[in-house]
Amino acid sequence: MVVDGAIAVEVRDLEKKFGEFTAVNRINFQVRRGEIFGFLGPNGAGKSTTIRMLCGIIPPTSGSGRVGGFDIVREQRNIKKNIGYMSQKFSLYDDLTVEENINFYSGIYKIPRAEKEARKEEIIHTADIGEFRTHLTKTLSGGWKQRLALGCAIMHRPSIIFLDEPTSGVDPITRNNFWDTIKTMAKSGVTVFVTTHYMDEAENCDRMALIYRGTIIAMGTPEEMKTKLMKKDVLEVRVSDSEEWAGKLDTIAGVEETALFGTDIHAVVDDAEKVAPMIRDMFQEAKVSGYTVRKIPPSLEDVFVSLIENYDAPQASS
C-alpha cells in the first residue's frame, strides 16, 4: 500500500434519491491514495449506486464528491478518463474474442496506436490468458472472464480503480487469486475502491465502510471493526440440527442474536462466561450429545451482523 496522505476519493453528504426512495443517504468518507477501500454491505444497501455516482455514470441528488481531484457533477468526463471501472457483469462482449475485446477497449480508452499492440500483450500476459486469445469470450469460465475484465479496466493504467462486486459468481480459489492481483496494484500506488457482500473478503482491505439501507453505519480497519466496534462476545456452537437450535438459543437471556455459519451457530452474547453454561444446560435438558460451545474471536461477519441488528433495533421498536 502506498499511502502518502493524498486524498483520492472524497464525498460529503452524498445523496441519491429515486423518487421517494433514498438509495444513498448523505454519506461521508475519504479514501487515500494507494488504499484498498472496501465498501461493504448486503445486496440493495446502496453500494452500486454510490460507485456509479463516483464514476460519473449517474448524478447525485445532493451533496458533493471528488475523484482524483475532479468533481463528480461538473467533471464527469475527466473522471472517466482517469479511472478504471469493472462491474459485477464484467462489461465484456461475449460475441467477441479475447483479443477483440481488448482491441475494443483500447479504442474506448484512446490508447495511442503505437502502444496498442504492446499494451494488449501486457494485458494478456498479466491475465495469463494467452491460450484463450482467439476464443470467443462467451466460452470462458467466470474466472477467466474476470481476469480479462480486470485487464480491460486497467488498460489505460488508471490511478484509481472501482470494482463493483468483482468476485460475484466465481469460485473461492479464483477469488483469492483476484485479491492477490488487487494487493499488487495497491502496492504500486493504485487506489482500489471495491464493493462486495462477501464479508470474508473484507480482511483484505486497508479500511472499509459498512453501508446499510443507504447509510454508513460503521467505518474503520478490519481490526478496529473487530475490537473497538464489537463490544459483545461471540460463542461458536456446534450441534446437530443447528438451524433448529439457532432459534431456540435466541430465547436464552443474554443472547443478542444468532446466525448460521455453515453448520455452526455463532451467538453474539453479553457475557460468554455467563451464557455458555446456560446453553450447555439447555442441551443437557434436551439430552443432546456431541455438542461444543466455545468463545471465539469475532469475524467481520459477526461484527456486521451485530451492527446491522443494533441499527435495526430502534426502528423495530418505534
Protein backbone atom coordinates (compact mmCIF):
# COMPACT_ATOMS: atom_id res chain seq x y z
CA MET A 1 0.00 0.00 0.00
CA VAL A 2 1.37 3.42 -0.98
CA VAL A 3 -0.34 5.97 1.25
CA ASP A 4 1.14 9.46 1.19
CA GLY A 5 -1.75 11.43 2.67
CA ALA A 6 -3.15 12.44 -0.72
CA ILE A 7 -6.91 12.04 -0.97
CA ALA A 8 -8.01 10.03 -3.99
CA VAL A 9 -11.75 9.94 -3.31
CA GLU A 10 -13.84 12.21 -1.10
CA VAL A 11 -17.59 12.55 -0.64
CA ARG A 12 -19.59 14.92 1.54
CA ASP A 13 -23.27 14.45 2.34
CA LEU A 14 -23.67 12.45 -0.87
CA GLU A 15 -27.29 11.53 -1.51
CA LYS A 16 -29.20 9.76 -4.26
CA LYS A 17 -32.95 9.53 -4.41
CA PHE A 18 -35.10 7.66 -6.92
CA GLY A 19 -38.48 9.27 -6.49
CA GLU A 20 -39.41 8.90 -2.83
CA PHE A 21 -36.82 6.17 -2.26
CA THR A 22 -33.47 7.19 -0.78
CA ALA A 23 -30.84 4.80 -2.11
CA VAL A 24 -27.86 6.66 -0.61
CA ASN A 25 -28.42 8.79 2.47
CA ARG A 26 -25.98 11.73 2.91
CA ILE A 27 -22.81 9.67 3.30
CA ASN A 28 -19.29 10.97 4.05
CA PHE A 29 -15.87 9.35 3.66
CA GLN A 30 -12.36 9.78 2.25
CA VAL A 31 -10.07 7.28 0.53
CA ARG A 32 -6.32 7.88 0.48
CA ARG A 33 -4.05 7.21 -2.48
CA GLY A 34 -2.90 3.61 -2.58
CA GLU A 35 -5.55 2.30 -0.21
CA ILE A 36 -7.71 -0.75 -0.73
CA PHE A 37 -11.01 0.65 0.49
CA GLY A 38 -13.86 -1.80 0.96
CA PHE A 39 -17.41 -0.58 0.57
CA LEU A 40 -19.38 -3.36 2.16
CA GLY A 41 -22.96 -4.25 2.80
CA PRO A 42 -25.81 -6.59 1.88
CA ASN A 43 -27.43 -6.54 -1.55
CA GLY A 44 -29.55 -3.43 -2.01
CA ALA A 45 -27.65 -1.42 0.60
CA GLY A 46 -26.57 1.32 -1.82
CA LYS A 47 -23.11 0.11 -2.84
CA SER A 48 -23.57 0.07 -6.60
CA THR A 49 -25.48 3.35 -6.61
CA THR A 50 -22.59 5.01 -4.77
CA ILE A 51 -19.98 3.62 -7.11
CA ARG A 52 -21.97 4.73 -10.16
CA MET A 53 -22.11 8.28 -8.81
CA LEU A 54 -18.37 8.28 -8.13
CA CYS A 55 -17.64 7.01 -11.64
CA GLY A 56 -19.73 9.79 -13.21
CA ILE A 57 -22.36 7.37 -14.53
CA ILE A 58 -25.29 8.90 -12.63
CA PRO A 59 -25.53 12.32 -10.92
CA PRO A 60 -26.17 12.66 -7.18
CA THR A 61 -29.40 14.20 -5.92
CA SER A 62 -27.42 16.33 -3.48
CA GLY A 63 -24.05 16.53 -1.79
CA SER A 64 -20.62 16.58 -3.39
CA GLY A 65 -17.71 14.38 -4.27
CA ARG A 66 -14.29 14.42 -5.88
CA VAL A 67 -12.48 11.53 -7.55
CA GLY A 68 -8.84 12.04 -8.48
CA GLY A 69 -9.37 15.73 -7.84
CA PHE A 70 -12.31 16.00 -10.25
CA ASP A 71 -15.84 16.99 -9.28
CA ILE A 72 -18.34 14.15 -9.77
CA VAL A 73 -21.01 16.53 -11.08
CA ARG A 74 -19.10 19.02 -13.24
CA GLU A 75 -16.12 16.95 -14.39
CA GLN A 76 -17.55 13.53 -15.15
CA ARG A 77 -15.66 13.26 -18.44
CA ASN A 78 -12.30 13.82 -16.73
CA ILE A 79 -13.17 11.24 -14.09
CA LYS A 80 -13.97 8.62 -16.71
CA LYS A 81 -10.61 9.23 -18.39
CA ASN A 82 -8.67 8.72 -15.18
CA ILE A 83 -10.35 5.76 -13.53
CA GLY A 84 -10.84 2.09 -14.21
CA TYR A 85 -14.27 0.57 -13.64
CA MET A 86 -15.19 -3.09 -13.50
CA SER A 87 -18.80 -4.01 -12.86
CA GLN A 88 -20.09 -7.30 -11.50
CA LYS A 89 -21.27 -8.24 -15.00
CA PHE A 90 -17.70 -7.72 -16.28
CA SER A 91 -18.83 -5.44 -19.20
CA LEU A 92 -17.43 -7.77 -21.82
CA TYR A 93 -18.81 -8.58 -25.26
CA ASP A 94 -19.49 -12.31 -25.41
CA ASP A 95 -19.54 -12.50 -29.22
CA LEU A 96 -16.04 -11.01 -29.49
CA THR A 97 -12.84 -12.96 -28.94
CA VAL A 98 -10.50 -12.15 -26.06
CA GLU A 99 -8.25 -10.15 -28.40
CA GLU A 100 -11.20 -8.34 -29.95
CA ASN A 101 -12.46 -7.29 -26.53
CA ILE A 102 -9.02 -5.92 -25.67
CA ASN A 103 -8.84 -4.10 -29.02
CA PHE A 104 -12.29 -2.63 -28.43
CA TYR A 105 -11.34 -1.26 -25.02
CA SER A 106 -8.06 0.11 -26.31
CA GLY A 107 -10.18 2.21 -28.64
CA ILE A 108 -12.55 3.27 -25.87
CA TYR A 109 -9.61 4.41 -23.73
CA LYS A 110 -7.90 6.02 -26.74
CA ILE A 111 -4.64 4.12 -26.34
CA PRO A 112 -2.12 5.61 -28.82
CA ARG A 113 -1.80 3.49 -31.96
CA ALA A 114 1.92 2.97 -31.36
CA GLU A 115 1.22 1.48 -27.93
CA LYS A 116 -1.85 -0.65 -28.63
CA GLU A 117 -0.12 -3.90 -29.53
CA ALA A 118 2.32 -3.75 -26.62
CA ARG A 119 -0.46 -2.86 -24.19
CA LYS A 120 -2.58 -5.76 -25.48
CA GLU A 121 0.27 -8.23 -24.95
CA GLU A 122 0.83 -6.79 -21.48
CA ILE A 123 -2.79 -7.45 -20.54
CA ILE A 124 -2.78 -10.96 -22.00
CA HIS A 125 0.41 -11.72 -20.05
CA THR A 126 -0.84 -10.18 -16.78
CA ALA A 127 -4.14 -12.05 -17.03
CA ASP A 128 -2.30 -15.23 -18.11
CA ILE A 129 -4.94 -15.68 -20.77
CA GLY A 130 -2.77 -16.22 -23.84
CA GLU A 131 -4.11 -19.70 -24.58
CA PHE A 132 -7.61 -18.22 -24.98
CA ARG A 133 -6.75 -15.15 -27.04
CA THR A 134 -8.69 -16.33 -30.11
CA HIS A 135 -11.59 -17.86 -28.16
CA LEU A 136 -15.00 -16.23 -28.03
CA THR A 137 -15.45 -14.61 -24.64
CA LYS A 138 -18.74 -16.42 -24.04
CA THR A 139 -16.85 -19.73 -23.95
CA LEU A 140 -14.68 -18.63 -21.00
CA SER A 141 -15.36 -19.62 -17.40
CA GLY A 142 -16.30 -16.95 -14.87
CA GLY A 143 -12.75 -16.82 -13.55
CA TRP A 144 -11.17 -16.21 -16.94
CA LYS A 145 -13.79 -13.60 -17.79
CA GLN A 146 -12.92 -11.89 -14.53
CA ARG A 147 -9.22 -11.75 -15.43
CA LEU A 148 -10.00 -10.37 -18.86
CA ALA A 149 -12.40 -7.76 -17.48
CA LEU A 150 -9.85 -6.52 -14.97
CA GLY A 151 -7.22 -6.31 -17.69
CA CYS A 152 -9.54 -4.25 -19.88
CA ALA A 153 -10.42 -1.98 -16.93
CA ILE A 154 -6.79 -1.11 -16.23
CA MET A 155 -5.60 -0.96 -19.84
CA HIS A 156 -5.07 2.82 -19.65
CA ARG A 157 -3.17 2.48 -16.33
CA PRO A 158 -5.59 4.43 -14.15
CA SER A 159 -4.57 5.74 -10.73
CA ILE A 160 -7.96 4.79 -9.24
CA ILE A 161 -9.95 1.67 -9.99
CA PHE A 162 -13.53 0.93 -8.96
CA LEU A 163 -14.50 -2.71 -8.66
CA ASP A 164 -18.22 -3.37 -8.20
CA GLU A 165 -18.80 -6.88 -6.81
CA PRO A 166 -15.83 -8.15 -8.86
CA THR A 167 -15.80 -11.65 -7.36
CA SER A 168 -19.51 -12.35 -7.58
CA GLY A 169 -20.15 -15.77 -9.06
CA VAL A 170 -16.56 -17.05 -9.14
CA ASP A 171 -15.03 -19.87 -7.12
CA PRO A 172 -13.02 -19.30 -3.89
CA ILE A 173 -9.63 -20.05 -5.49
CA THR A 174 -10.28 -17.52 -8.25
CA ARG A 175 -11.41 -15.00 -5.63
CA ASN A 176 -8.15 -15.43 -3.71
CA ASN A 177 -6.07 -15.04 -6.86
CA PHE A 178 -8.02 -11.92 -7.78
CA TRP A 179 -7.31 -10.36 -4.38
CA ASP A 180 -3.60 -11.08 -4.82
CA THR A 181 -3.75 -9.03 -8.01
CA ILE A 182 -5.57 -6.20 -6.24
CA LYS A 183 -2.94 -6.09 -3.48
CA THR A 184 -0.15 -5.92 -6.06
CA MET A 185 -1.88 -2.99 -7.74
CA ALA A 186 -2.25 -1.15 -4.43
CA LYS A 187 1.45 -1.63 -3.65
CA SER A 188 2.24 0.23 -6.87
CA GLY A 189 0.15 3.21 -5.73
CA VAL A 190 -3.18 2.43 -7.40
CA THR A 191 -6.21 3.28 -5.26
CA VAL A 192 -8.70 0.41 -5.18
CA PHE A 193 -12.33 1.06 -4.26
CA VAL A 194 -14.12 -2.28 -4.07
CA THR A 195 -17.71 -3.17 -3.24
CA THR A 196 -18.61 -6.63 -2.04
CA HIS A 197 -21.13 -8.50 0.08
CA TYR A 198 -18.61 -11.27 0.82
CA MET A 199 -17.60 -10.27 4.33
CA ASP A 200 -14.61 -12.64 4.46
CA GLU A 201 -13.03 -10.62 1.63
CA ALA A 202 -13.07 -7.50 3.80
CA GLU A 203 -9.99 -8.77 5.66
CA ASN A 204 -8.02 -7.85 2.52
CA CYS A 205 -8.98 -4.17 2.78
CA ASP A 206 -6.91 -1.48 4.48
CA ARG A 207 -10.08 0.26 5.61
CA MET A 208 -13.75 -0.25 5.00
CA ALA A 209 -17.16 1.30 5.39
CA LEU A 210 -20.31 -0.68 6.10
CA ILE A 211 -23.35 0.70 4.32
CA TYR A 212 -26.85 -0.46 5.20
CA ARG A 213 -30.11 0.93 3.88
CA GLY A 214 -28.19 3.73 2.23
CA THR A 215 -26.47 4.84 5.45
CA ILE A 216 -22.87 4.28 6.51
CA ILE A 217 -23.18 2.69 9.95
CA ALA A 218 -19.51 1.87 10.62
CA MET A 219 -16.05 2.64 9.26
CA GLY A 220 -12.51 1.56 10.14
CA THR A 221 -9.78 -1.00 9.62
CA PRO A 222 -10.64 -4.71 9.91
CA GLU A 223 -9.00 -4.79 13.36
CA GLU A 224 -10.90 -1.71 14.54
CA MET A 225 -14.14 -3.27 13.39
CA LYS A 226 -13.49 -6.41 15.43
CA THR A 227 -12.21 -4.69 18.57
CA LYS A 228 -13.49 -1.15 19.02
CA LEU A 229 -16.85 -1.64 17.32
CA MET A 230 -17.64 -5.13 18.64
CA LYS A 231 -18.50 -4.83 22.33
CA LYS A 232 -20.16 -8.25 22.66
CA ASP A 233 -18.72 -11.77 22.93
CA VAL A 234 -19.18 -14.47 20.30
CA LEU A 235 -19.83 -18.12 21.08
CA GLU A 236 -19.38 -20.83 18.47
CA VAL A 237 -21.92 -23.60 18.98
CA ARG A 238 -21.58 -26.90 17.17
CA VAL A 239 -24.61 -29.13 17.43
CA SER A 240 -26.69 -31.35 15.15
CA ASP A 241 -29.84 -29.71 13.75
CA SER A 242 -28.11 -26.32 14.07
CA GLU A 243 -30.79 -24.49 12.11
CA GLU A 244 -33.45 -25.56 14.60
CA TRP A 245 -31.26 -24.84 17.63
CA ALA A 246 -30.32 -21.35 16.41
CA GLY A 247 -33.89 -20.25 17.01
CA LYS A 248 -34.02 -21.88 20.44
CA LEU A 249 -30.78 -20.23 21.58
CA ASP A 250 -32.31 -16.84 20.83
CA THR A 251 -34.64 -17.39 23.81
CA ILE A 252 -31.77 -17.54 26.33
CA ALA A 253 -31.24 -14.39 28.39
CA GLY A 254 -28.05 -12.64 27.31
CA VAL A 255 -28.13 -13.91 23.72
CA GLU A 256 -28.34 -10.88 21.44
CA GLU A 257 -28.65 -12.74 18.14
CA THR A 258 -27.65 -15.95 16.42
CA ALA A 259 -26.52 -16.63 12.87
CA LEU A 260 -25.59 -19.78 10.98
CA PHE A 261 -22.02 -20.08 9.69
CA GLY A 262 -22.11 -23.25 7.64
CA THR A 263 -23.29 -25.90 10.10
CA ASP A 264 -22.14 -23.90 13.14
CA ILE A 265 -24.07 -21.31 15.13
CA HIS A 266 -22.46 -18.02 16.10
CA ALA A 267 -24.21 -16.48 19.08
CA VAL A 268 -23.50 -12.85 19.96
CA VAL A 269 -23.86 -12.61 23.73
CA ASP A 270 -23.49 -10.09 26.53
CA ASP A 271 -21.10 -12.24 28.59
CA ALA A 272 -19.69 -15.51 27.28
CA GLU A 273 -18.83 -16.85 30.76
CA LYS A 274 -22.45 -16.50 31.89
CA VAL A 275 -24.24 -17.56 28.72
CA ALA A 276 -22.13 -20.59 27.71
CA PRO A 277 -23.22 -22.65 30.79
CA MET A 278 -26.86 -21.72 30.08
CA ILE A 279 -26.53 -23.09 26.54
CA ARG A 280 -24.94 -26.29 27.83
CA ASP A 281 -27.77 -26.68 30.37
CA MET A 282 -30.32 -26.35 27.57
CA PHE A 283 -28.61 -29.12 25.60
CA GLN A 284 -28.36 -31.38 28.65
CA GLU A 285 -32.05 -30.95 29.47
CA ALA A 286 -32.87 -31.90 25.88
CA LYS A 287 -30.49 -34.90 26.17
CA VAL A 288 -28.37 -33.63 23.28
CA SER A 289 -24.89 -35.13 22.94
CA GLY A 290 -21.86 -34.37 20.80
CA TYR A 291 -22.10 -30.58 21.06
CA THR A 292 -19.40 -27.97 21.73
CA VAL A 293 -19.72 -24.40 22.99
CA ARG A 294 -16.70 -22.13 22.96
CA LYS A 295 -15.83 -18.45 22.88
CA ILE A 296 -14.17 -17.31 19.65
CA PRO A 297 -12.80 -14.02 18.29
CA PRO A 298 -15.47 -12.24 16.25
CA SER A 299 -15.27 -12.46 12.49
CA LEU A 300 -16.11 -9.43 10.41
CA GLU A 301 -19.36 -11.11 9.51
CA ASP A 302 -20.17 -11.39 13.23
CA VAL A 303 -19.42 -7.70 13.60
CA PHE A 304 -21.55 -6.70 10.64
CA VAL A 305 -24.48 -8.86 11.72
CA SER A 306 -24.30 -7.28 15.17
CA LEU A 307 -24.05 -3.73 13.81
CA ILE A 308 -27.00 -4.26 11.48
CA GLU A 309 -29.09 -5.81 14.26
CA ASN A 310 -28.29 -2.86 16.52
CA TYR A 311 -29.15 -0.41 13.74
CA ASP A 312 -32.50 -2.11 13.11
CA ALA A 313 -33.47 -2.48 16.78
CA PRO A 314 -34.56 1.14 17.48
CA GLN A 315 -36.56 1.25 14.24
CA ALA A 316 -38.31 -2.02 15.05
CA SER A 317 -39.38 -0.73 18.46
CA SER A 318 -40.60 2.62 17.15
